[in-house]
Amino acid sequence: MSTYNIIKMQKKLKKYVDEMRYIHTQGVMYTAAALAMCYGADIEKAQVAGLLHDCAKCIPNAKKLKLCRQYNIPVSDVESNSPYLLHASLGAYIAREKYHVKDPEILSAIACHTTGKPAMTMLEKIIFISDYIEPMRSKAPNLERIRSLAFSDIDYAVFTTLRDTLIYLENEKACLDNQTVVAYNYYKELMEEEDA
């Protein structure tokens, strides 16, 4: 028995995101469903989280900041200076309030899809990776390798994605959320333990 009306959610989402974001979202939803099948995770939860992960992405940055303050969503100093980073936590709020998603695991997967976090659940890993490898993505280094790894060793795929993201942000002198570093250190240690 289906809990969510995904077709209805898609129609609603399409009104709030631009065309490229909607196409990306579809890619993440289908990739997440495929990974859920691969790892025996809940396919419907993966689809909903994949579909809604960027539901706050197209809100202007100043409004993201204003909404977070209005809804008491914590804003770090990094996020305050780079409000585009807020789309994940604001997206989890919007998924709950506007799309009536009550499942805490889905909401958490949306909230941490940009930075990752230590000890992610399978669904959280699936959304984090799906956002990175969906079919429309083409620019990331090691993309083909990570796409392959995602279906054979998801923890190693998460580690590689976090590592490559940190290298990219460092090279671009871009804003870095400390949560990404914390997540990277956790998965780096996990990989070292597996190799020991």
N, C-alpha and C. Protein backbone atom coordinates (compact mmCIF):
# COMPACT_ATOMS: atom_id res chain seq x y z
N MET A 1 0.85 -1.20 0.00
CA MET A 1 0.00 0.00 0.00
C MET A 1 0.88 1.25 0.00
N SER A 2 0.62 2.11 -0.95
CA SER A 2 1.42 3.33 -1.09
C SER A 2 0.99 4.38 -0.05
N THR A 3 1.97 5.00 0.58
CA THR A 3 1.71 6.03 1.59
C THR A 3 1.62 7.41 0.95
N TYR A 4 2.39 7.62 -0.12
CA TYR A 4 2.49 8.94 -0.73
C TYR A 4 1.97 8.93 -2.16
N ASN A 5 1.35 10.04 -2.57
CA ASN A 5 0.92 10.19 -3.96
C ASN A 5 2.03 10.94 -4.70
N ILE A 6 2.95 10.16 -5.26
CA ILE A 6 4.14 10.73 -5.89
C ILE A 6 3.79 11.57 -7.13
N ILE A 7 2.79 11.15 -7.90
CA ILE A 7 2.36 11.91 -9.08
C ILE A 7 1.88 13.30 -8.66
N LYS A 8 1.08 13.35 -7.60
CA LYS A 8 0.57 14.62 -7.09
C LYS A 8 1.72 15.51 -6.59
N MET A 9 2.67 14.89 -5.90
CA MET A 9 3.85 15.62 -5.41
C MET A 9 4.65 16.22 -6.58
N GLN A 10 4.81 15.43 -7.64
CA GLN A 10 5.56 15.90 -8.81
C GLN A 10 4.89 17.13 -9.42
N LYS A 11 3.55 17.07 -9.55
CA LYS A 11 2.81 18.20 -10.15
C LYS A 11 2.97 19.45 -9.30
N LYS A 12 2.91 19.29 -8.00
CA LYS A 12 3.05 20.42 -7.08
C LYS A 12 4.47 21.01 -7.14
N LEU A 13 5.46 20.11 -7.10
CA LEU A 13 6.86 20.55 -7.12
C LEU A 13 7.18 21.34 -8.38
N LYS A 14 6.63 20.89 -9.50
CA LYS A 14 6.91 21.51 -10.80
C LYS A 14 6.57 23.00 -10.82
N LYS A 15 5.63 23.42 -9.96
CA LYS A 15 5.23 24.83 -9.89
C LYS A 15 6.27 25.69 -9.15
N TYR A 16 7.12 25.04 -8.35
CA TYR A 16 8.02 25.78 -7.46
C TYR A 16 9.50 25.72 -7.83
N VAL A 17 9.83 24.92 -8.84
CA VAL A 17 11.24 24.84 -9.26
C VAL A 17 11.34 25.10 -10.76
N ASP A 18 12.52 25.55 -11.21
CA ASP A 18 12.67 25.79 -12.65
C ASP A 18 12.84 24.45 -13.39
N GLU A 19 12.81 24.53 -14.70
CA GLU A 19 12.80 23.31 -15.52
C GLU A 19 14.04 22.43 -15.30
N MET A 20 15.22 23.05 -15.26
CA MET A 20 16.46 22.27 -15.07
C MET A 20 16.48 21.60 -13.69
N ARG A 21 16.00 22.31 -12.68
CA ARG A 21 15.95 21.74 -11.33
C ARG A 21 14.97 20.58 -11.30
N TYR A 22 13.86 20.72 -12.02
CA TYR A 22 12.85 19.65 -12.04
C TYR A 22 13.42 18.40 -12.72
N ILE A 23 14.13 18.60 -13.82
CA ILE A 23 14.76 17.46 -14.52
C ILE A 23 15.78 16.78 -13.61
N HIS A 24 16.60 17.58 -12.92
CA HIS A 24 17.57 17.05 -11.96
C HIS A 24 16.86 16.23 -10.87
N THR A 25 15.78 16.78 -10.37
CA THR A 25 15.01 16.13 -9.31
C THR A 25 14.47 14.76 -9.77
N GLN A 26 13.99 14.73 -11.00
CA GLN A 26 13.51 13.45 -11.56
C GLN A 26 14.66 12.43 -11.61
N GLY A 27 15.82 12.90 -12.04
CA GLY A 27 16.99 12.02 -12.10
C GLY A 27 17.37 11.47 -10.74
N VAL A 28 17.33 12.34 -9.72
CA VAL A 28 17.66 11.91 -8.36
C VAL A 28 16.62 10.91 -7.86
N MET A 29 15.35 11.16 -8.15
CA MET A 29 14.29 10.26 -7.71
C MET A 29 14.47 8.85 -8.31
N TYR A 30 14.75 8.78 -9.61
CA TYR A 30 14.91 7.48 -10.26
C TYR A 30 16.20 6.78 -9.82
N THR A 31 17.26 7.55 -9.65
CA THR A 31 18.53 6.97 -9.18
C THR A 31 18.37 6.43 -7.76
N ALA A 32 17.68 7.19 -6.93
CA ALA A 32 17.43 6.77 -5.54
C ALA A 32 16.60 5.49 -5.51
N ALA A 33 15.60 5.40 -6.39
CA ALA A 33 14.77 4.19 -6.45
C ALA A 33 15.62 2.98 -6.86
N ALA A 34 16.51 3.18 -7.84
CA ALA A 34 17.39 2.09 -8.29
C ALA A 34 18.33 1.64 -7.17
N LEU A 35 18.92 2.61 -6.44
CA LEU A 35 19.81 2.26 -5.33
C LEU A 35 19.03 1.57 -4.20
N ALA A 36 17.80 2.01 -3.96
CA ALA A 36 16.97 1.37 -2.93
C ALA A 36 16.71 -0.09 -3.30
N MET A 37 16.45 -0.34 -4.58
CA MET A 37 16.27 -1.73 -5.05
C MET A 37 17.54 -2.53 -4.82
N CYS A 38 18.68 -1.92 -5.14
CA CYS A 38 19.98 -2.59 -5.02
C CYS A 38 20.27 -2.99 -3.57
N TYR A 39 19.92 -2.11 -2.62
CA TYR A 39 20.30 -2.34 -1.22
C TYR A 39 19.14 -2.79 -0.33
N GLY A 40 18.00 -3.07 -0.93
CA GLY A 40 16.86 -3.56 -0.15
C GLY A 40 16.27 -2.49 0.76
N ALA A 41 16.41 -1.22 0.37
CA ALA A 41 15.83 -0.12 1.15
C ALA A 41 14.41 0.15 0.64
N ASP A 42 13.68 0.96 1.36
CA ASP A 42 12.29 1.28 1.01
C ASP A 42 12.28 2.16 -0.26
N ILE A 43 11.73 1.62 -1.34
CA ILE A 43 11.76 2.30 -2.64
C ILE A 43 10.91 3.58 -2.62
N GLU A 44 9.74 3.51 -2.00
CA GLU A 44 8.88 4.69 -1.97
C GLU A 44 9.52 5.83 -1.18
N LYS A 45 10.12 5.52 -0.04
CA LYS A 45 10.81 6.55 0.76
C LYS A 45 11.93 7.18 -0.06
N ALA A 46 12.67 6.35 -0.79
CA ALA A 46 13.77 6.85 -1.63
C ALA A 46 13.23 7.78 -2.72
N GLN A 47 12.10 7.41 -3.32
CA GLN A 47 11.50 8.26 -4.37
C GLN A 47 11.06 9.61 -3.80
N VAL A 48 10.39 9.57 -2.66
CA VAL A 48 9.88 10.82 -2.05
C VAL A 48 11.05 11.73 -1.66
N ALA A 49 12.05 11.16 -1.00
CA ALA A 49 13.22 11.96 -0.58
C ALA A 49 13.96 12.50 -1.81
N GLY A 50 14.11 11.66 -2.83
CA GLY A 50 14.77 12.10 -4.07
C GLY A 50 14.01 13.21 -4.76
N LEU A 51 12.69 13.07 -4.81
CA LEU A 51 11.85 14.06 -5.47
C LEU A 51 11.90 15.41 -4.74
N LEU A 52 11.88 15.37 -3.41
CA LEU A 52 11.75 16.61 -2.64
C LEU A 52 13.07 17.18 -2.12
N HIS A 53 14.20 16.52 -2.41
CA HIS A 53 15.46 16.95 -1.79
C HIS A 53 15.81 18.41 -2.10
N ASP A 54 15.42 18.91 -3.27
CA ASP A 54 15.74 20.29 -3.66
C ASP A 54 14.50 21.18 -3.71
N CYS A 55 13.46 20.82 -2.95
CA CYS A 55 12.19 21.59 -3.06
C CYS A 55 12.35 23.05 -2.65
N ALA A 56 13.41 23.38 -1.88
CA ALA A 56 13.64 24.77 -1.47
C ALA A 56 14.75 25.45 -2.27
N LYS A 57 15.31 24.74 -3.24
CA LYS A 57 16.49 25.24 -3.97
C LYS A 57 16.22 26.54 -4.74
N CYS A 58 15.05 26.68 -5.32
CA CYS A 58 14.78 27.84 -6.18
C CYS A 58 14.24 29.05 -5.41
N ILE A 59 14.15 28.96 -4.11
CA ILE A 59 13.75 30.12 -3.30
C ILE A 59 14.96 31.07 -3.27
N PRO A 60 14.75 32.37 -3.52
CA PRO A 60 15.89 33.30 -3.48
C PRO A 60 16.61 33.24 -2.14
N ASN A 61 17.93 33.43 -2.17
CA ASN A 61 18.76 33.26 -0.97
C ASN A 61 18.32 34.11 0.21
N ALA A 62 18.00 35.37 -0.04
CA ALA A 62 17.57 36.25 1.06
C ALA A 62 16.29 35.72 1.69
N LYS A 63 15.41 35.17 0.86
CA LYS A 63 14.15 34.61 1.38
C LYS A 63 14.42 33.32 2.14
N LYS A 64 15.39 32.51 1.69
CA LYS A 64 15.75 31.29 2.43
C LYS A 64 16.12 31.65 3.86
N LEU A 65 16.97 32.66 3.98
CA LEU A 65 17.44 33.12 5.29
C LEU A 65 16.26 33.61 6.14
N LYS A 66 15.40 34.39 5.53
CA LYS A 66 14.23 34.94 6.23
C LYS A 66 13.31 33.82 6.71
N LEU A 67 13.05 32.84 5.83
CA LEU A 67 12.16 31.73 6.19
C LEU A 67 12.74 30.88 7.32
N CYS A 68 14.05 30.64 7.26
CA CYS A 68 14.69 29.85 8.32
C CYS A 68 14.54 30.55 9.67
N ARG A 69 14.72 31.85 9.66
CA ARG A 69 14.57 32.61 10.92
C ARG A 69 13.11 32.58 11.37
N GLN A 70 12.22 32.71 10.41
CA GLN A 70 10.77 32.71 10.71
C GLN A 70 10.33 31.37 11.30
N TYR A 71 10.86 30.27 10.77
CA TYR A 71 10.43 28.93 11.21
C TYR A 71 11.38 28.31 12.25
N ASN A 72 12.27 29.13 12.81
CA ASN A 72 13.21 28.67 13.85
C ASN A 72 14.08 27.50 13.39
N ILE A 73 14.50 27.55 12.13
CA ILE A 73 15.44 26.55 11.61
C ILE A 73 16.85 27.08 11.90
N PRO A 74 17.68 26.32 12.62
CA PRO A 74 19.01 26.82 12.98
C PRO A 74 19.83 27.21 11.74
N VAL A 75 20.52 28.34 11.85
CA VAL A 75 21.36 28.85 10.76
C VAL A 75 22.77 29.05 11.31
N SER A 76 23.74 28.34 10.74
CA SER A 76 25.13 28.49 11.19
C SER A 76 25.72 29.76 10.59
N ASP A 77 26.88 30.16 11.08
CA ASP A 77 27.56 31.34 10.53
C ASP A 77 27.87 31.14 9.05
N VAL A 78 28.30 29.93 8.71
CA VAL A 78 28.61 29.61 7.31
C VAL A 78 27.36 29.77 6.45
N GLU A 79 26.24 29.24 6.92
CA GLU A 79 24.98 29.32 6.17
C GLU A 79 24.48 30.77 6.08
N SER A 80 24.71 31.53 7.14
CA SER A 80 24.30 32.93 7.15
C SER A 80 25.04 33.72 6.06
N ASN A 81 26.31 33.39 5.86
CA ASN A 81 27.12 34.03 4.81
C ASN A 81 26.89 33.44 3.43
N SER A 82 26.43 32.19 3.39
CA SER A 82 26.15 31.51 2.11
C SER A 82 24.78 30.85 2.19
N PRO A 83 23.70 31.65 2.11
CA PRO A 83 22.35 31.12 2.35
C PRO A 83 21.90 30.04 1.37
N TYR A 84 22.60 29.91 0.22
CA TYR A 84 22.21 28.83 -0.71
C TYR A 84 22.36 27.46 -0.04
N LEU A 85 23.23 27.37 0.98
CA LEU A 85 23.41 26.10 1.71
C LEU A 85 22.18 25.72 2.52
N LEU A 86 21.29 26.66 2.76
CA LEU A 86 20.11 26.42 3.60
C LEU A 86 19.02 25.61 2.91
N HIS A 87 19.16 25.37 1.59
CA HIS A 87 18.06 24.70 0.90
C HIS A 87 17.80 23.29 1.43
N ALA A 88 18.79 22.67 2.04
CA ALA A 88 18.59 21.30 2.56
C ALA A 88 17.72 21.31 3.82
N SER A 89 18.12 22.10 4.81
CA SER A 89 17.33 22.12 6.05
C SER A 89 15.97 22.78 5.84
N LEU A 90 15.92 23.84 5.03
CA LEU A 90 14.63 24.46 4.71
C LEU A 90 13.77 23.50 3.89
N GLY A 91 14.41 22.74 3.01
CA GLY A 91 13.69 21.74 2.20
C GLY A 91 13.02 20.68 3.06
N ALA A 92 13.70 20.25 4.12
CA ALA A 92 13.11 19.25 5.03
C ALA A 92 11.87 19.84 5.70
N TYR A 93 11.95 21.10 6.07
CA TYR A 93 10.80 21.78 6.69
C TYR A 93 9.63 21.86 5.69
N ILE A 94 9.93 22.28 4.47
CA ILE A 94 8.89 22.42 3.44
C ILE A 94 8.28 21.05 3.10
N ALA A 95 9.12 20.03 3.03
CA ALA A 95 8.61 18.67 2.75
C ALA A 95 7.60 18.25 3.82
N ARG A 96 7.89 18.62 5.06
CA ARG A 96 7.00 18.25 6.17
C ARG A 96 5.71 19.09 6.14
N GLU A 97 5.87 20.40 5.98
CA GLU A 97 4.72 21.31 6.11
C GLU A 97 3.86 21.41 4.85
N LYS A 98 4.51 21.41 3.68
CA LYS A 98 3.76 21.65 2.44
C LYS A 98 3.45 20.36 1.66
N TYR A 99 4.27 19.33 1.88
CA TYR A 99 4.05 18.06 1.15
C TYR A 99 3.59 16.96 2.11
N HIS A 100 3.43 17.31 3.37
CA HIS A 100 2.88 16.41 4.40
C HIS A 100 3.69 15.12 4.59
N VAL A 101 5.01 15.25 4.47
CA VAL A 101 5.90 14.11 4.71
C VAL A 101 6.23 14.10 6.21
N LYS A 102 5.77 13.07 6.89
CA LYS A 102 5.98 13.01 8.35
C LYS A 102 7.12 12.07 8.74
N ASP A 103 7.56 11.24 7.80
CA ASP A 103 8.59 10.24 8.10
C ASP A 103 9.92 10.91 8.45
N PRO A 104 10.42 10.74 9.69
CA PRO A 104 11.65 11.43 10.09
C PRO A 104 12.88 11.02 9.27
N GLU A 105 12.90 9.78 8.77
CA GLU A 105 14.05 9.33 7.98
C GLU A 105 14.11 10.04 6.62
N ILE A 106 12.95 10.23 6.00
CA ILE A 106 12.89 10.96 4.73
C ILE A 106 13.33 12.41 4.96
N LEU A 107 12.80 13.02 6.00
CA LEU A 107 13.13 14.42 6.31
C LEU A 107 14.62 14.58 6.61
N SER A 108 15.18 13.63 7.32
CA SER A 108 16.61 13.68 7.63
C SER A 108 17.46 13.52 6.37
N ALA A 109 17.02 12.63 5.47
CA ALA A 109 17.76 12.43 4.21
C ALA A 109 17.77 13.71 3.37
N ILE A 110 16.66 14.44 3.39
CA ILE A 110 16.59 15.73 2.68
C ILE A 110 17.52 16.74 3.36
N ALA A 111 17.46 16.78 4.70
CA ALA A 111 18.21 17.78 5.47
C ALA A 111 19.73 17.63 5.33
N CYS A 112 20.22 16.39 5.14
CA CYS A 112 21.69 16.21 5.08
C CYS A 112 22.21 15.86 3.68
N HIS A 113 21.38 16.07 2.65
CA HIS A 113 21.79 15.61 1.32
C HIS A 113 22.96 16.40 0.72
N THR A 114 23.22 17.60 1.20
CA THR A 114 24.34 18.37 0.61
C THR A 114 25.66 18.13 1.34
N THR A 115 25.60 17.98 2.65
CA THR A 115 26.84 17.86 3.44
C THR A 115 27.17 16.43 3.83
N GLY A 116 26.16 15.56 3.85
CA GLY A 116 26.36 14.25 4.46
C GLY A 116 26.47 14.43 5.96
N LYS A 117 26.63 13.33 6.67
CA LYS A 117 26.85 13.37 8.12
C LYS A 117 27.42 12.03 8.54
N PRO A 118 28.00 11.93 9.72
CA PRO A 118 28.52 10.64 10.17
C PRO A 118 27.39 9.62 10.33
N ALA A 119 27.72 8.36 10.13
CA ALA A 119 26.79 7.24 10.39
C ALA A 119 25.41 7.45 9.75
N MET A 120 25.41 7.77 8.47
CA MET A 120 24.14 7.96 7.77
C MET A 120 23.37 6.66 7.66
N THR A 121 22.04 6.76 7.67
CA THR A 121 21.21 5.58 7.40
C THR A 121 21.36 5.24 5.92
N MET A 122 20.87 4.08 5.54
CA MET A 122 20.93 3.69 4.12
C MET A 122 20.19 4.71 3.25
N LEU A 123 19.02 5.16 3.70
CA LEU A 123 18.27 6.13 2.91
C LEU A 123 19.04 7.44 2.77
N GLU A 124 19.65 7.90 3.85
CA GLU A 124 20.45 9.14 3.79
C GLU A 124 21.61 9.00 2.81
N LYS A 125 22.28 7.84 2.83
CA LYS A 125 23.38 7.61 1.89
C LYS A 125 22.87 7.59 0.45
N ILE A 126 21.72 6.95 0.26
CA ILE A 126 21.14 6.84 -1.08
C ILE A 126 20.83 8.22 -1.66
N ILE A 127 20.24 9.11 -0.87
CA ILE A 127 19.90 10.45 -1.37
C ILE A 127 21.16 11.28 -1.59
N PHE A 128 22.09 11.19 -0.66
CA PHE A 128 23.36 11.91 -0.79
C PHE A 128 24.08 11.53 -2.09
N ILE A 129 24.15 10.24 -2.37
CA ILE A 129 24.84 9.74 -3.57
C ILE A 129 24.02 10.01 -4.84
N SER A 130 22.71 9.80 -4.77
CA SER A 130 21.86 10.01 -5.95
C SER A 130 21.94 11.43 -6.47
N ASP A 131 22.03 12.38 -5.55
CA ASP A 131 22.15 13.79 -5.93
C ASP A 131 23.44 14.03 -6.72
N TYR A 132 24.46 13.28 -6.39
CA TYR A 132 25.78 13.44 -7.01
C TYR A 132 25.91 12.72 -8.35
N ILE A 133 25.23 11.57 -8.48
CA ILE A 133 25.47 10.71 -9.66
C ILE A 133 24.32 10.66 -10.66
N GLU A 134 23.21 11.34 -10.38
CA GLU A 134 22.05 11.21 -11.28
C GLU A 134 22.47 11.48 -12.73
N PRO A 135 21.72 10.92 -13.71
CA PRO A 135 22.16 10.93 -15.11
C PRO A 135 22.52 12.29 -15.72
N MET A 136 21.91 13.38 -15.24
CA MET A 136 22.19 14.71 -15.81
C MET A 136 23.53 15.27 -15.36
N ARG A 137 24.08 14.73 -14.29
CA ARG A 137 25.37 15.20 -13.79
C ARG A 137 26.47 14.80 -14.77
N SER A 138 27.42 15.71 -14.99
CA SER A 138 28.49 15.37 -15.94
C SER A 138 29.85 15.95 -15.57
N LYS A 139 29.89 16.89 -14.61
CA LYS A 139 31.14 17.63 -14.39
C LYS A 139 32.05 17.06 -13.30
N ALA A 140 31.50 16.33 -12.35
CA ALA A 140 32.31 15.91 -11.19
C ALA A 140 33.43 14.97 -11.61
N PRO A 141 34.59 15.08 -10.94
CA PRO A 141 35.67 14.13 -11.22
C PRO A 141 35.29 12.75 -10.70
N ASN A 142 35.85 11.72 -11.29
CA ASN A 142 35.60 10.33 -10.86
C ASN A 142 34.13 9.92 -10.92
N LEU A 143 33.34 10.63 -11.72
CA LEU A 143 31.90 10.37 -11.74
C LEU A 143 31.56 8.94 -12.15
N GLU A 144 32.19 8.46 -13.20
CA GLU A 144 31.90 7.09 -13.66
C GLU A 144 32.25 6.06 -12.57
N ARG A 145 33.40 6.27 -11.93
CA ARG A 145 33.81 5.36 -10.86
C ARG A 145 32.83 5.39 -9.69
N ILE A 146 32.40 6.60 -9.31
CA ILE A 146 31.46 6.72 -8.18
C ILE A 146 30.10 6.11 -8.56
N ARG A 147 29.68 6.29 -9.80
CA ARG A 147 28.42 5.67 -10.26
C ARG A 147 28.49 4.14 -10.12
N SER A 148 29.61 3.59 -10.48
CA SER A 148 29.80 2.14 -10.37
C SER A 148 29.86 1.70 -8.91
N LEU A 149 30.65 2.44 -8.12
CA LEU A 149 30.79 2.14 -6.68
C LEU A 149 29.46 2.21 -5.94
N ALA A 150 28.62 3.16 -6.33
CA ALA A 150 27.35 3.38 -5.65
C ALA A 150 26.52 2.10 -5.58
N PHE A 151 26.64 1.27 -6.61
CA PHE A 151 25.84 0.05 -6.67
C PHE A 151 26.58 -1.19 -6.14
N SER A 152 27.85 -1.00 -5.73
CA SER A 152 28.59 -2.16 -5.21
C SER A 152 29.11 -1.94 -3.79
N ASP A 153 29.45 -0.69 -3.45
CA ASP A 153 29.98 -0.39 -2.11
C ASP A 153 29.60 1.06 -1.78
N ILE A 154 28.40 1.23 -1.26
CA ILE A 154 27.87 2.59 -1.07
C ILE A 154 28.68 3.40 -0.08
N ASP A 155 29.25 2.77 0.95
CA ASP A 155 30.06 3.52 1.91
C ASP A 155 31.31 4.09 1.25
N TYR A 156 31.92 3.29 0.38
CA TYR A 156 33.11 3.77 -0.32
C TYR A 156 32.73 4.88 -1.31
N ALA A 157 31.54 4.75 -1.91
CA ALA A 157 31.05 5.80 -2.82
C ALA A 157 30.81 7.10 -2.05
N VAL A 158 30.27 7.00 -0.83
CA VAL A 158 30.04 8.18 0.01
C VAL A 158 31.38 8.82 0.37
N PHE A 159 32.34 8.00 0.79
CA PHE A 159 33.67 8.50 1.15
C PHE A 159 34.30 9.23 -0.03
N THR A 160 34.28 8.62 -1.21
CA THR A 160 34.90 9.20 -2.41
C THR A 160 34.22 10.52 -2.80
N THR A 161 32.90 10.55 -2.70
CA THR A 161 32.13 11.76 -3.00
C THR A 161 32.49 12.89 -2.04
N LEU A 162 32.55 12.58 -0.75
CA LEU A 162 32.92 13.59 0.26
C LEU A 162 34.34 14.11 0.01
N ARG A 163 35.26 13.19 -0.27
CA ARG A 163 36.65 13.58 -0.54
C ARG A 163 36.73 14.49 -1.75
N ASP A 164 36.09 14.10 -2.85
CA ASP A 164 36.13 14.90 -4.07
C ASP A 164 35.45 16.25 -3.89
N THR A 165 34.39 16.29 -3.10
CA THR A 165 33.68 17.54 -2.81
C THR A 165 34.60 18.49 -2.05
N LEU A 166 35.29 17.98 -1.05
CA LEU A 166 36.21 18.82 -0.26
C LEU A 166 37.35 19.36 -1.13
N ILE A 167 37.89 18.52 -1.99
CA ILE A 167 38.96 18.96 -2.90
C ILE A 167 38.44 20.06 -3.82
N TYR A 168 37.25 19.85 -4.37
CA TYR A 168 36.64 20.84 -5.27
C TYR A 168 36.43 22.18 -4.55
N LEU A 169 35.83 22.13 -3.35
CA LEU A 169 35.55 23.36 -2.59
C LEU A 169 36.83 24.10 -2.24
N GLU A 170 37.87 23.33 -1.91
CA GLU A 170 39.16 23.94 -1.58
C GLU A 170 39.77 24.64 -2.80
N ASN A 171 39.73 23.96 -3.93
CA ASN A 171 40.28 24.52 -5.18
C ASN A 171 39.52 25.76 -5.63
N GLU A 172 38.21 25.75 -5.41
CA GLU A 172 37.37 26.87 -5.84
C GLU A 172 37.36 28.00 -4.80
N LYS A 173 38.00 27.75 -3.67
CA LYS A 173 37.95 28.70 -2.53
C LYS A 173 36.50 28.99 -2.16
N ALA A 174 35.68 27.93 -2.28
CA ALA A 174 34.25 28.08 -2.02
C ALA A 174 33.95 27.90 -0.53
N CYS A 175 32.76 28.27 -0.18
CA CYS A 175 32.32 28.18 1.22
C CYS A 175 32.20 26.71 1.62
N LEU A 176 32.74 26.39 2.78
CA LEU A 176 32.77 25.00 3.22
C LEU A 176 31.99 24.85 4.52
N ASP A 177 31.00 23.98 4.49
CA ASP A 177 30.23 23.68 5.70
C ASP A 177 31.01 22.64 6.49
N ASN A 178 31.27 22.91 7.74
CA ASN A 178 32.07 22.02 8.59
C ASN A 178 31.46 20.62 8.68
N GLN A 179 30.14 20.52 8.49
CA GLN A 179 29.47 19.21 8.55
C GLN A 179 30.04 18.26 7.50
N THR A 180 30.45 18.80 6.35
CA THR A 180 31.04 17.98 5.29
C THR A 180 32.38 17.40 5.76
N VAL A 181 33.16 18.19 6.45
CA VAL A 181 34.46 17.74 6.99
C VAL A 181 34.24 16.64 8.03
N VAL A 182 33.26 16.86 8.91
CA VAL A 182 32.94 15.88 9.95
C VAL A 182 32.50 14.55 9.31
N ALA A 183 31.65 14.65 8.29
CA ALA A 183 31.19 13.45 7.58
C ALA A 183 32.36 12.74 6.89
N TYR A 184 33.21 13.53 6.23
CA TYR A 184 34.38 12.97 5.54
C TYR A 184 35.28 12.22 6.52
N ASN A 185 35.59 12.84 7.66
CA ASN A 185 36.47 12.20 8.65
C ASN A 185 35.88 10.88 9.16
N TYR A 186 34.58 10.86 9.34
CA TYR A 186 33.91 9.63 9.79
C TYR A 186 34.07 8.52 8.76
N TYR A 187 33.78 8.82 7.48
CA TYR A 187 33.85 7.79 6.44
C TYR A 187 35.29 7.42 6.09
N LYS A 188 36.20 8.35 6.25
CA LYS A 188 37.62 8.06 6.03
C LYS A 188 38.08 7.02 7.06
N GLU A 189 37.69 7.24 8.31
CA GLU A 189 38.05 6.30 9.38
C GLU A 189 37.41 4.94 9.13
N LEU A 190 36.17 4.96 8.68
CA LEU A 190 35.46 3.71 8.36
C LEU A 190 36.18 2.92 7.27
N MET A 191 36.64 3.63 6.23
CA MET A 191 37.37 2.97 5.14
C MET A 191 38.71 2.42 5.64
N GLU A 192 39.38 3.16 6.50
CA GLU A 192 40.67 2.70 7.05
C GLU A 192 40.49 1.46 7.92
N GLU A 193 39.41 1.42 8.67
CA GLU A 193 39.10 0.24 9.50
C GLU A 193 38.84 -0.98 8.63
N GLU A 194 38.12 -0.76 7.51
CA GLU A 194 37.81 -1.88 6.60
C GLU A 194 39.08 -2.39 5.93
N ASP A 195 40.02 -1.48 5.66
CA ASP A 195 41.26 -1.87 5.00
C ASP A 195 42.28 -2.52 5.96
N ALA A 196 42.08 -2.29 7.25
CA ALA A 196 43.06 -2.78 8.26
C ALA A 196 43.05 -4.30 8.35
